[in-house]
Amino acid sequence: MTLSMGVHVGQQNTTMLDLIELWQRLDTTVDWISVWDHLYEAPPAGGTTPHFEAVATLGALASVTSRARLGCLVFCVPYRNPALLAKSIIAIDHLSGGRFEPGFGAGWHEPEFRAHGYDFDPIDVRFDQLTEGLEIISGMLSDAPTTTFRGDYWHVDEVTCVPGPIDGPIRLWTGGRGPTRTPDNAARYCSGWNVPYVGPAEYRRLNDRLDAACEAIGRDPATLERSVNLAFHIGADDATATAERQRIVDQWGPEMAERVTEGALTGTPDQAIERIAEYRDAGADLVNIALRFPVDGDALEAYLTDVVPAARRL
């Protein structure tokens, strides 16, 4: 199977017009475009960086693109009633012509939880909310006429979802590197799984856990798509690539810089292709670069023009 190539765009420190311009450029080249679901910037800076909410942003993304699959990596389920979120997803699905594949997670950004009036519950509670939310959302986005569910945190009573998906059941994703509940949720509810910023060896280990979770419920592991998000730190040529590596060392220090770049693309376009091949060998079906504004335009163009076509031929 041909390796799919995507871009995960953090919708912060920019304008909506600049986002649209970037999305439309990406839509001509890559297979996947996604955004995240944060209410404050990441990494945290006290809510001081301009930032756009995910559902409205995804409506804009769906409206100005026509080709790439679209995702959210990932919706924070504790932020929204799952039944309401399912209705929002349907609207984005119709706007996109069936290209939207939403992802779901338990959330981690404590400052934005508390600033916006959400309790930052222990991780086991947030995962309970996530699993219950997936039960409701997967039912509402299927072809079932109604969905009924009563849990500890969410409930629906013969809820309908009309109109339904525009082109059959919507593919759902989940994300993260948790050892048990993330693989279980992926195997039971989802068509895809994503993890950010891990090296190829760790990615292979996490993939093995997903395989085991699928096999435990009698699911063919090959039916679960696997993706990875990688920080984008390449340079268009040797000089800019070297300067970018040095910038990371200066910012983080030598030891931490090595950890920061473990789950990143660094170096020249040729070196990026070699690194992507390692993820393909570790089980990736989709490789995304994670972009943050301001974007190095020369590096991005080199990536889209040289790296993406070569990676698809791996």
C-alpha atoms as a PDB file:
ATOM      1  CA  MET A   1       0.000   0.000   0.000  1.00  0.00           C
ATOM      2  CA  THR A   2       1.268   3.481  -0.875  1.00  0.00           C
ATOM      3  CA  LEU A   3       2.333   5.512   2.137  1.00  0.00           C
ATOM      4  CA  SER A   4      -0.037   8.454   2.705  1.00  0.00           C
ATOM      5  CA  MET A   5       1.421  11.858   3.508  1.00  0.00           C
ATOM      6  CA  GLY A   6      -0.258  14.563   5.568  1.00  0.00           C
ATOM      7  CA  VAL A   7       0.117  17.804   7.478  1.00  0.00           C
ATOM      8  CA  HIS A   8      -1.200  18.519  10.970  1.00  0.00           C
ATOM      9  CA  VAL A   9      -1.618  22.282  11.423  1.00  0.00           C
ATOM     10  CA  GLY A  10      -1.837  23.950  14.826  1.00  0.00           C
ATOM     11  CA  GLN A  11      -4.319  26.808  14.351  1.00  0.00           C
ATOM     12  CA  GLN A  12      -2.471  29.299  16.542  1.00  0.00           C
ATOM     13  CA  ASN A  13      -0.289  32.397  16.153  1.00  0.00           C
ATOM     14  CA  THR A  14      -1.806  33.150  12.745  1.00  0.00           C
ATOM     15  CA  THR A  15      -4.877  34.520  10.970  1.00  0.00           C
ATOM     16  CA  MET A  16      -7.727  32.610   9.409  1.00  0.00           C
ATOM     17  CA  LEU A  17      -6.774  33.998   5.997  1.00  0.00           C
ATOM     18  CA  ASP A  18      -3.238  32.624   6.363  1.00  0.00           C
ATOM     19  CA  LEU A  19      -4.630  29.267   7.459  1.00  0.00           C
ATOM     20  CA  ILE A  20      -6.872  29.133   4.398  1.00  0.00           C
ATOM     21  CA  GLU A  21      -3.968  29.965   2.102  1.00  0.00           C
ATOM     22  CA  LEU A  22      -1.891  27.181   3.652  1.00  0.00           C
ATOM     23  CA  TRP A  23      -4.723  24.628   3.547  1.00  0.00           C
ATOM     24  CA  GLN A  24      -5.376  25.305  -0.116  1.00  0.00           C
ATOM     25  CA  ARG A  25      -1.689  24.856  -0.958  1.00  0.00           C
ATOM     26  CA  LEU A  26      -1.606  21.595   0.984  1.00  0.00           C
ATOM     27  CA  ASP A  27      -4.805  20.346  -0.642  1.00  0.00           C
ATOM     28  CA  THR A  28      -3.046  20.233  -4.012  1.00  0.00           C
ATOM     29  CA  THR A  29      -0.292  17.941  -2.717  1.00  0.00           C
ATOM     30  CA  VAL A  30      -0.931  15.943   0.476  1.00  0.00           C
ATOM     31  CA  ASP A  31      -3.416  13.213   1.340  1.00  0.00           C
ATOM     32  CA  TRP A  32      -4.436  14.420   4.811  1.00  0.00           C
ATOM     33  CA  ILE A  33      -4.892  17.781   6.586  1.00  0.00           C
ATOM     34  CA  SER A  34      -5.784  17.969  10.272  1.00  0.00           C
ATOM     35  CA  VAL A  35      -6.040  20.476  13.102  1.00  0.00           C
ATOM     36  CA  TRP A  36      -6.053  20.053  16.860  1.00  0.00           C
ATOM     37  CA  ASP A  37      -8.645  20.740  19.548  1.00  0.00           C
ATOM     38  CA  HIS A  38      -7.160  23.244  21.984  1.00  0.00           C
ATOM     39  CA  LEU A  39      -8.718  26.310  23.587  1.00  0.00           C
ATOM     40  CA  TYR A  40      -5.314  27.782  24.460  1.00  0.00           C
ATOM     41  CA  GLU A  41      -2.023  27.554  22.643  1.00  0.00           C
ATOM     42  CA  ALA A  42       0.307  24.573  22.945  1.00  0.00           C
ATOM     43  CA  PRO A  43       2.796  24.427  24.476  1.00  0.00           C
ATOM     44  CA  PRO A  44       1.054  26.471  27.189  1.00  0.00           C
ATOM     45  CA  ALA A  45       1.697  30.213  27.360  1.00  0.00           C
ATOM     46  CA  GLY A  46      -1.160  31.369  29.570  1.00  0.00           C
ATOM     47  CA  GLY A  47      -3.638  31.918  26.759  1.00  0.00           C
ATOM     48  CA  THR A  48      -1.603  34.792  25.308  1.00  0.00           C
ATOM     49  CA  THR A  49      -1.249  33.450  21.742  1.00  0.00           C
ATOM     50  CA  PRO A  50      -4.017  33.948  19.136  1.00  0.00           C
ATOM     51  CA  HIS A  51      -5.853  30.660  18.714  1.00  0.00           C
ATOM     52  CA  PHE A  52      -8.980  29.340  16.916  1.00  0.00           C
ATOM     53  CA  GLU A  53     -11.519  26.813  18.230  1.00  0.00           C
ATOM     54  CA  ALA A  54     -11.606  23.464  16.401  1.00  0.00           C
ATOM     55  CA  VAL A  55     -15.214  22.896  15.275  1.00  0.00           C
ATOM     56  CA  ALA A  56     -15.586  26.271  13.574  1.00  0.00           C
ATOM     57  CA  THR A  57     -12.067  25.978  12.118  1.00  0.00           C
ATOM     58  CA  LEU A  58     -12.881  22.559  10.656  1.00  0.00           C
ATOM     59  CA  GLY A  59     -15.982  23.977   8.984  1.00  0.00           C
ATOM     60  CA  ALA A  60     -13.753  26.519   7.249  1.00  0.00           C
ATOM     61  CA  LEU A  61     -11.191  23.844   6.336  1.00  0.00           C
ATOM     62  CA  ALA A  62     -13.896  21.639   4.816  1.00  0.00           C
ATOM     63  CA  SER A  63     -15.298  24.553   2.812  1.00  0.00           C
ATOM     64  CA  VAL A  64     -12.046  25.675   1.161  1.00  0.00           C
ATOM     65  CA  THR A  65     -10.552  22.278   0.258  1.00  0.00           C
ATOM     66  CA  SER A  66     -11.767  19.553  -2.075  1.00  0.00           C
ATOM     67  CA  ARG A  67      -9.283  16.707  -2.211  1.00  0.00           C
ATOM     68  CA  ALA A  68      -7.455  15.759   1.006  1.00  0.00           C
ATOM     69  CA  ARG A  69      -8.904  13.720   3.832  1.00  0.00           C
ATOM     70  CA  LEU A  70      -9.556  15.955   6.838  1.00  0.00           C
ATOM     71  CA  GLY A  71      -9.062  15.167  10.498  1.00  0.00           C
ATOM     72  CA  CYS A  72      -9.015  16.453  14.050  1.00  0.00           C
ATOM     73  CA  LEU A  73      -6.175  15.037  16.129  1.00  0.00           C
ATOM     74  CA  VAL A  74      -7.879  14.945  18.480  1.00  0.00           C
ATOM     75  CA  PHE A  75     -11.199  16.235  19.815  1.00  0.00           C
ATOM     76  CA  CYS A  76     -11.054  16.537  23.605  1.00  0.00           C
ATOM     77  CA  VAL A  77     -14.206  14.604  24.524  1.00  0.00           C
ATOM     78  CA  PRO A  78     -14.574  16.172  28.033  1.00  0.00           C
ATOM     79  CA  TYR A  79     -15.095  19.596  26.392  1.00  0.00           C
ATOM     80  CA  ARG A  80     -18.381  18.789  24.643  1.00  0.00           C
ATOM     81  CA  ASN A  81     -21.482  16.680  25.087  1.00  0.00           C
ATOM     82  CA  PRO A  82     -20.721  13.709  22.772  1.00  0.00           C
ATOM     83  CA  ALA A  83     -24.150  13.784  21.117  1.00  0.00           C
ATOM     84  CA  LEU A  84     -23.712  17.471  20.273  1.00  0.00           C
ATOM     85  CA  LEU A  85     -20.204  16.754  18.987  1.00  0.00           C
ATOM     86  CA  ALA A  86     -21.626  14.011  16.745  1.00  0.00           C
ATOM     87  CA  LYS A  87     -24.028  16.546  15.227  1.00  0.00           C
ATOM     88  CA  SER A  88     -21.135  18.961  14.614  1.00  0.00           C
ATOM     89  CA  ILE A  89     -19.194  16.161  12.936  1.00  0.00           C
ATOM     90  CA  ILE A  90     -22.111  15.450  10.605  1.00  0.00           C
ATOM     91  CA  ALA A  91     -22.157  19.084   9.483  1.00  0.00           C
ATOM     92  CA  ILE A  92     -18.403  18.989   8.752  1.00  0.00           C
ATOM     93  CA  ASP A  93     -18.856  15.641   6.987  1.00  0.00           C
ATOM     94  CA  HIS A  94     -21.439  17.173   4.632  1.00  0.00           C
ATOM     95  CA  LEU A  95     -19.389  20.330   4.073  1.00  0.00           C
ATOM     96  CA  SER A  96     -16.391  18.188   3.098  1.00  0.00           C
ATOM     97  CA  GLY A  97     -18.269  15.765   0.873  1.00  0.00           C
ATOM     98  CA  GLY A  98     -17.449  12.825   3.124  1.00  0.00           C
ATOM     99  CA  ARG A  99     -13.736  13.563   3.650  1.00  0.00           C
ATOM    100  CA  PHE A 100     -13.823  14.156   7.425  1.00  0.00           C
ATOM    101  CA  GLU A 101     -12.327  11.520   9.765  1.00  0.00           C
ATOM    102  CA  PRO A 102     -12.459  12.879  13.334  1.00  0.00           C
ATOM    103  CA  GLY A 103     -10.240  11.693  16.157  1.00  0.00           C
ATOM    104  CA  PHE A 104     -10.958  11.628  19.895  1.00  0.00           C
ATOM    105  CA  GLY A 105      -8.897  11.826  23.056  1.00  0.00           C
ATOM    106  CA  ALA A 106      -9.105  12.453  26.790  1.00  0.00           C
ATOM    107  CA  GLY A 107      -7.298  15.828  26.852  1.00  0.00           C
ATOM    108  CA  TRP A 108      -4.141  16.876  28.682  1.00  0.00           C
ATOM    109  CA  HIS A 109      -3.839  20.689  28.608  1.00  0.00           C
ATOM    110  CA  GLU A 110      -4.676  21.462  32.250  1.00  0.00           C
ATOM    111  CA  PRO A 111      -4.402  25.295  32.000  1.00  0.00           C
ATOM    112  CA  GLU A 112      -7.045  25.510  29.270  1.00  0.00           C
ATOM    113  CA  PHE A 113      -9.350  23.112  31.126  1.00  0.00           C
ATOM    114  CA  ARG A 114      -9.310  25.235  34.263  1.00  0.00           C
ATOM    115  CA  ALA A 115      -9.379  28.630  32.514  1.00  0.00           C
ATOM    116  CA  HIS A 116     -12.532  27.667  30.594  1.00  0.00           C
ATOM    117  CA  GLY A 117     -14.358  26.265  33.605  1.00  0.00           C
ATOM    118  CA  TYR A 118     -13.801  22.528  33.035  1.00  0.00           C
ATOM    119  CA  ASP A 119     -12.767  20.239  35.867  1.00  0.00           C
ATOM    120  CA  PHE A 120      -9.399  18.649  35.157  1.00  0.00           C
ATOM    121  CA  ASP A 121     -10.332  15.207  36.436  1.00  0.00           C
ATOM    122  CA  PRO A 122      -7.807  12.408  36.999  1.00  0.00           C
ATOM    123  CA  ILE A 123      -6.715  10.611  33.849  1.00  0.00           C
ATOM    124  CA  ASP A 124      -8.819   7.509  34.585  1.00  0.00           C
ATOM    125  CA  VAL A 125     -11.960   9.657  34.779  1.00  0.00           C
ATOM    126  CA  ARG A 126     -11.121  11.462  31.550  1.00  0.00           C
ATOM    127  CA  PHE A 127     -10.597   8.113  29.843  1.00  0.00           C
ATOM    128  CA  ASP A 128     -13.951   6.901  31.185  1.00  0.00           C
ATOM    129  CA  GLN A 129     -15.527  10.008  29.627  1.00  0.00           C
ATOM    130  CA  LEU A 130     -13.690   9.302  26.367  1.00  0.00           C
ATOM    131  CA  THR A 131     -14.815   5.682  26.169  1.00  0.00           C
ATOM    132  CA  GLU A 132     -18.424   6.587  26.944  1.00  0.00           C
ATOM    133  CA  GLY A 133     -18.234   9.365  24.371  1.00  0.00           C
ATOM    134  CA  LEU A 134     -16.940   6.951  21.724  1.00  0.00           C
ATOM    135  CA  GLU A 135     -19.844   4.619  22.474  1.00  0.00           C
ATOM    136  CA  ILE A 136     -22.340   7.415  21.816  1.00  0.00           C
ATOM    137  CA  ILE A 137     -20.562   8.984  18.843  1.00  0.00           C
ATOM    138  CA  SER A 138     -19.894   5.697  17.057  1.00  0.00           C
ATOM    139  CA  GLY A 139     -23.555   4.787  17.421  1.00  0.00           C
ATOM    140  CA  MET A 140     -24.834   8.137  16.174  1.00  0.00           C
ATOM    141  CA  LEU A 141     -22.474   8.155  13.182  1.00  0.00           C
ATOM    142  CA  SER A 142     -23.398   4.616  12.147  1.00  0.00           C
ATOM    143  CA  ASP A 143     -26.486   3.592  10.176  1.00  0.00           C
ATOM    144  CA  ALA A 144     -28.468   2.760  13.339  1.00  0.00           C
ATOM    145  CA  PRO A 145     -31.802   4.656  13.452  1.00  0.00           C
ATOM    146  CA  THR A 146     -31.377   5.666  17.114  1.00  0.00           C
ATOM    147  CA  THR A 147     -28.761   5.436  19.851  1.00  0.00           C
ATOM    148  CA  THR A 148     -29.426   4.833  23.546  1.00  0.00           C
ATOM    149  CA  PHE A 149     -26.680   4.800  26.140  1.00  0.00           C
ATOM    150  CA  ARG A 150     -26.455   5.528  29.858  1.00  0.00           C
ATOM    151  CA  GLY A 151     -23.065   5.790  31.503  1.00  0.00           C
ATOM    152  CA  ASP A 152     -21.548   7.447  34.536  1.00  0.00           C
ATOM    153  CA  TYR A 153     -20.824  10.703  32.663  1.00  0.00           C
ATOM    154  CA  TRP A 154     -22.893  10.809  29.465  1.00  0.00           C
ATOM    155  CA  HIS A 155     -26.261   9.489  28.381  1.00  0.00           C
ATOM    156  CA  VAL A 156     -28.582   9.654  25.371  1.00  0.00           C
ATOM    157  CA  ASP A 157     -32.110   8.320  24.991  1.00  0.00           C
ATOM    158  CA  GLU A 158     -33.118   7.050  21.531  1.00  0.00           C
ATOM    159  CA  VAL A 159     -31.306   9.981  19.987  1.00  0.00           C
ATOM    160  CA  THR A 160     -31.518  10.309  16.218  1.00  0.00           C
ATOM    161  CA  CYS A 161     -28.879  11.761  13.934  1.00  0.00           C
ATOM    162  CA  VAL A 162     -30.616  13.144  10.864  1.00  0.00           C
ATOM    163  CA  PRO A 163     -29.177  13.710   8.356  1.00  0.00           C
ATOM    164  CA  GLY A 164     -26.710  10.915   8.785  1.00  0.00           C
ATOM    165  CA  PRO A 165     -23.276  10.709   7.213  1.00  0.00           C
ATOM    166  CA  ILE A 166     -23.194  11.729   3.580  1.00  0.00           C
ATOM    167  CA  ASP A 167     -21.367   8.602   2.400  1.00  0.00           C
ATOM    168  CA  GLY A 168     -21.788   5.786   4.903  1.00  0.00           C
ATOM    169  CA  PRO A 169     -20.333   5.381   8.419  1.00  0.00           C
ATOM    170  CA  ILE A 170     -17.647   7.931   9.279  1.00  0.00           C
ATOM    171  CA  ARG A 171     -14.133   6.653  10.001  1.00  0.00           C
ATOM    172  CA  LEU A 172     -13.151   7.468  13.602  1.00  0.00           C
ATOM    173  CA  TRP A 173      -9.655   7.873  15.040  1.00  0.00           C
ATOM    174  CA  THR A 174      -8.108   7.975  18.472  1.00  0.00           C
ATOM    175  CA  GLY A 175      -4.660   9.062  19.535  1.00  0.00           C
ATOM    176  CA  GLY A 176      -1.997   8.676  22.174  1.00  0.00           C
ATOM    177  CA  ARG A 177       0.583   6.275  23.552  1.00  0.00           C
ATOM    178  CA  GLY A 178      -1.282   4.882  26.556  1.00  0.00           C
ATOM    179  CA  PRO A 179      -0.508   1.224  27.250  1.00  0.00           C
ATOM    180  CA  THR A 180      -3.996  -0.272  27.651  1.00  0.00           C
ATOM    181  CA  ARG A 181      -7.048   1.934  27.181  1.00  0.00           C
ATOM    182  CA  THR A 182      -5.839   3.706  24.041  1.00  0.00           C
ATOM    183  CA  PRO A 183      -5.208   0.412  22.178  1.00  0.00           C
ATOM    184  CA  ASP A 184      -8.509  -0.981  23.461  1.00  0.00           C
ATOM    185  CA  ASN A 185     -10.483   2.063  22.282  1.00  0.00           C
ATOM    186  CA  ALA A 186      -8.710   2.002  18.929  1.00  0.00           C
ATOM    187  CA  ALA A 187      -9.506  -1.668  18.409  1.00  0.00           C
ATOM    188  CA  ARG A 188     -13.138  -1.442  19.503  1.00  0.00           C
ATOM    189  CA  TYR A 189     -14.315   1.848  18.032  1.00  0.00           C
ATOM    190  CA  CYS A 190     -11.902   3.240  15.478  1.00  0.00           C
ATOM    191  CA  SER A 191     -10.641   2.973  11.928  1.00  0.00           C
ATOM    192  CA  GLY A 192      -7.361   4.752  12.693  1.00  0.00           C
ATOM    193  CA  TRP A 193      -4.837   5.557  15.430  1.00  0.00           C
ATOM    194  CA  ASN A 194      -2.330   8.400  15.699  1.00  0.00           C
ATOM    195  CA  VAL A 195       0.586   9.175  17.994  1.00  0.00           C
ATOM    196  CA  PRO A 196       2.797  12.283  18.009  1.00  0.00           C
ATOM    197  CA  TYR A 197       6.531  12.770  18.459  1.00  0.00           C
ATOM    198  CA  VAL A 198       7.911   9.271  19.008  1.00  0.00           C
ATOM    199  CA  GLY A 199      10.906   7.630  17.356  1.00  0.00           C
ATOM    200  CA  PRO A 200      10.603   4.650  15.002  1.00  0.00           C
ATOM    201  CA  ALA A 201      11.515   2.050  17.651  1.00  0.00           C
ATOM    202  CA  GLU A 202       8.863   3.334  20.072  1.00  0.00           C
ATOM    203  CA  TYR A 203       6.392   3.553  17.206  1.00  0.00           C
ATOM    204  CA  ARG A 204       6.958  -0.130  16.414  1.00  0.00           C
ATOM    205  CA  ARG A 205       6.422  -1.048  20.076  1.00  0.00           C
ATOM    206  CA  LEU A 206       3.141   0.888  20.192  1.00  0.00           C
ATOM    207  CA  ASN A 207       2.005  -0.754  16.964  1.00  0.00           C
ATOM    208  CA  ASP A 208       2.591  -4.168  18.528  1.00  0.00           C
ATOM    209  CA  ARG A 209       0.248  -3.198  21.362  1.00  0.00           C
ATOM    210  CA  LEU A 210      -2.422  -2.202  18.857  1.00  0.00           C
ATOM    211  CA  ASP A 211      -2.036  -5.522  17.066  1.00  0.00           C
ATOM    212  CA  ALA A 212      -2.532  -7.360  20.358  1.00  0.00           C
ATOM    213  CA  ALA A 213      -5.624  -5.294  21.230  1.00  0.00           C
ATOM    214  CA  CYS A 214      -7.177  -6.071  17.845  1.00  0.00           C
ATOM    215  CA  GLU A 215      -6.391  -9.769  18.122  1.00  0.00           C
ATOM    216  CA  ALA A 216      -7.896  -9.888  21.632  1.00  0.00           C
ATOM    217  CA  ILE A 217     -11.336  -9.019  20.204  1.00  0.00           C
ATOM    218  CA  GLY A 218     -10.972 -10.992  16.976  1.00  0.00           C
ATOM    219  CA  ARG A 219     -10.277  -8.009  14.735  1.00  0.00           C
ATOM    220  CA  ASP A 220      -7.794  -8.146  11.874  1.00  0.00           C
ATOM    221  CA  PRO A 221      -5.022  -5.672  12.869  1.00  0.00           C
ATOM    222  CA  ALA A 222      -4.591  -4.731   9.200  1.00  0.00           C
ATOM    223  CA  THR A 223      -8.000  -3.018   9.294  1.00  0.00           C
ATOM    224  CA  LEU A 224      -6.703  -0.334  11.711  1.00  0.00           C
ATOM    225  CA  GLU A 225      -4.845   2.486   9.952  1.00  0.00           C
ATOM    226  CA  ARG A 226      -1.720   3.747  11.756  1.00  0.00           C
ATOM    227  CA  SER A 227      -0.341   7.293  11.620  1.00  0.00           C
ATOM    228  CA  VAL A 228       2.358   9.395  13.266  1.00  0.00           C
ATOM    229  CA  ASN A 229       2.816  13.157  13.682  1.00  0.00           C
ATOM    230  CA  LEU A 230       6.403  14.399  13.425  1.00  0.00           C
ATOM    231  CA  ALA A 231       7.713  17.834  14.367  1.00  0.00           C
ATOM    232  CA  PHE A 232       8.924  19.708  11.288  1.00  0.00           C
ATOM    233  CA  HIS A 233      12.514  20.920  11.546  1.00  0.00           C
ATOM    234  CA  ILE A 234      14.043  20.299   8.130  1.00  0.00           C
ATOM    235  CA  GLY A 235      15.907  22.866   6.068  1.00  0.00           C
ATOM    236  CA  ALA A 236      15.659  23.391   2.328  1.00  0.00           C
ATOM    237  CA  ASP A 237      19.446  22.944   1.989  1.00  0.00           C
ATOM    238  CA  ASP A 238      22.499  21.929   4.029  1.00  0.00           C
ATOM    239  CA  ALA A 239      23.086  25.404   5.446  1.00  0.00           C
ATOM    240  CA  THR A 240      19.528  25.983   6.683  1.00  0.00           C
ATOM    241  CA  ALA A 241      19.266  22.414   7.961  1.00  0.00           C
ATOM    242  CA  THR A 242      22.430  22.891  10.033  1.00  0.00           C
ATOM    243  CA  ALA A 243      21.163  26.235  11.335  1.00  0.00           C
ATOM    244  CA  GLU A 244      17.857  24.673  12.375  1.00  0.00           C
ATOM    245  CA  ARG A 245      19.599  21.881  14.272  1.00  0.00           C
ATOM    246  CA  GLN A 246      21.734  24.461  16.074  1.00  0.00           C
ATOM    247  CA  ARG A 247      18.666  26.526  16.913  1.00  0.00           C
ATOM    248  CA  ILE A 248      17.105  23.505  18.637  1.00  0.00           C
ATOM    249  CA  VAL A 249      20.302  22.841  20.619  1.00  0.00           C
ATOM    250  CA  ASP A 250      20.520  26.501  21.639  1.00  0.00           C
ATOM    251  CA  GLN A 251      16.884  26.490  22.727  1.00  0.00           C
ATOM    252  CA  TRP A 252      16.794  23.171  24.581  1.00  0.00           C
ATOM    253  CA  GLY A 253      20.397  22.267  25.358  1.00  0.00           C
ATOM    254  CA  PRO A 254      22.218  19.257  23.853  1.00  0.00           C
ATOM    255  CA  GLU A 255      20.596  16.494  25.936  1.00  0.00           C
ATOM    256  CA  MET A 256      17.029  17.766  25.657  1.00  0.00           C
ATOM    257  CA  ALA A 257      17.506  18.612  21.967  1.00  0.00           C
ATOM    258  CA  GLU A 258      18.165  14.939  21.267  1.00  0.00           C
ATOM    259  CA  ARG A 259      14.878  14.037  22.918  1.00  0.00           C
ATOM    260  CA  VAL A 260      12.989  16.819  21.102  1.00  0.00           C
ATOM    261  CA  THR A 261      14.240  15.646  17.713  1.00  0.00           C
ATOM    262  CA  GLU A 262      13.620  11.934  18.307  1.00  0.00           C
ATOM    263  CA  GLY A 263      10.062  12.376  17.030  1.00  0.00           C
ATOM    264  CA  ALA A 264      10.911  14.964  14.372  1.00  0.00           C
ATOM    265  CA  LEU A 265      12.078  15.345  10.807  1.00  0.00           C
ATOM    266  CA  THR A 266      15.411  17.147  10.753  1.00  0.00           C
ATOM    267  CA  GLY A 267      18.222  17.716   8.277  1.00  0.00           C
ATOM    268  CA  THR A 268      17.857  18.003   4.523  1.00  0.00           C
ATOM    269  CA  PRO A 269      14.985  16.744   2.355  1.00  0.00           C
ATOM    270  CA  ASP A 270      17.002  13.611   1.496  1.00  0.00           C
ATOM    271  CA  GLN A 271      17.535  12.886   5.184  1.00  0.00           C
ATOM    272  CA  ALA A 272      13.824  13.418   5.837  1.00  0.00           C
ATOM    273  CA  ILE A 273      12.984  10.777   3.214  1.00  0.00           C
ATOM    274  CA  GLU A 274      15.306   8.309   4.931  1.00  0.00           C
ATOM    275  CA  ARG A 275      13.669   8.986   8.299  1.00  0.00           C
ATOM    276  CA  ILE A 276      10.169   8.586   6.889  1.00  0.00           C
ATOM    277  CA  ALA A 277      11.225   5.200   5.506  1.00  0.00           C
ATOM    278  CA  GLU A 278      12.020   4.125   9.084  1.00  0.00           C
ATOM    279  CA  TYR A 279       8.462   4.916  10.161  1.00  0.00           C
ATOM    280  CA  ARG A 280       7.070   3.090   7.156  1.00  0.00           C
ATOM    281  CA  ASP A 281       9.117   0.042   8.167  1.00  0.00           C
ATOM    282  CA  ALA A 282       7.794   0.421  11.740  1.00  0.00           C
ATOM    283  CA  GLY A 283       4.197   0.151  10.540  1.00  0.00           C
ATOM    284  CA  ALA A 284       3.052   3.665   9.595  1.00  0.00           C
ATOM    285  CA  ASP A 285       0.386   3.991   6.913  1.00  0.00           C
ATOM    286  CA  LEU A 286       0.246   7.804   7.185  1.00  0.00           C
ATOM    287  CA  VAL A 287       3.039  10.223   8.124  1.00  0.00           C
ATOM    288  CA  ASN A 288       2.096  13.791   9.070  1.00  0.00           C
ATOM    289  CA  ILE A 289       4.362  16.739   9.665  1.00  0.00           C
ATOM    290  CA  ALA A 290       3.163  18.995  12.481  1.00  0.00           C
ATOM    291  CA  LEU A 291       3.335  22.642  11.400  1.00  0.00           C
ATOM    292  CA  ARG A 292       3.350  25.664  13.691  1.00  0.00           C
ATOM    293  CA  PHE A 293       3.333  29.266  12.532  1.00  0.00           C
ATOM    294  CA  PRO A 294       5.464  31.006  11.474  1.00  0.00           C
ATOM    295  CA  VAL A 295       6.227  28.439   8.757  1.00  0.00           C
ATOM    296  CA  ASP A 296       9.575  28.286   6.938  1.00  0.00           C
ATOM    297  CA  GLY A 297       8.177  28.629   3.417  1.00  0.00           C
ATOM    298  CA  ASP A 298      11.306  27.364   1.657  1.00  0.00           C
ATOM    299  CA  ALA A 299      11.504  24.261   3.844  1.00  0.00           C
ATOM    300  CA  LEU A 300       7.806  23.531   3.380  1.00  0.00           C
ATOM    301  CA  GLU A 301       8.023  23.882  -0.396  1.00  0.00           C
ATOM    302  CA  ALA A 302      11.020  21.563  -0.488  1.00  0.00           C
ATOM    303  CA  TYR A 303       9.049  19.085   1.586  1.00  0.00           C
ATOM    304  CA  LEU A 304       5.945  19.243  -0.605  1.00  0.00           C
ATOM    305  CA  THR A 305       7.862  19.228  -3.881  1.00  0.00           C
ATOM    306  CA  ASP A 306      10.650  16.750  -3.148  1.00  0.00           C
ATOM    307  CA  VAL A 307       9.932  14.745  -0.008  1.00  0.00           C
ATOM    308  CA  VAL A 308       6.235  13.923  -0.401  1.00  0.00           C
ATOM    309  CA  PRO A 309       6.480  12.357  -3.894  1.00  0.00           C
ATOM    310  CA  ALA A 310       9.584  10.391  -2.924  1.00  0.00           C
ATOM    311  CA  ALA A 311       8.030   9.128   0.314  1.00  0.00           C
ATOM    312  CA  ARG A 312       5.002   7.814  -1.560  1.00  0.00           C
ATOM    313  CA  ARG A 313       7.364   5.672  -3.639  1.00  0.00           C
ATOM    314  CA  LEU A 314       8.966   4.030  -0.607  1.00  0.00           C
END
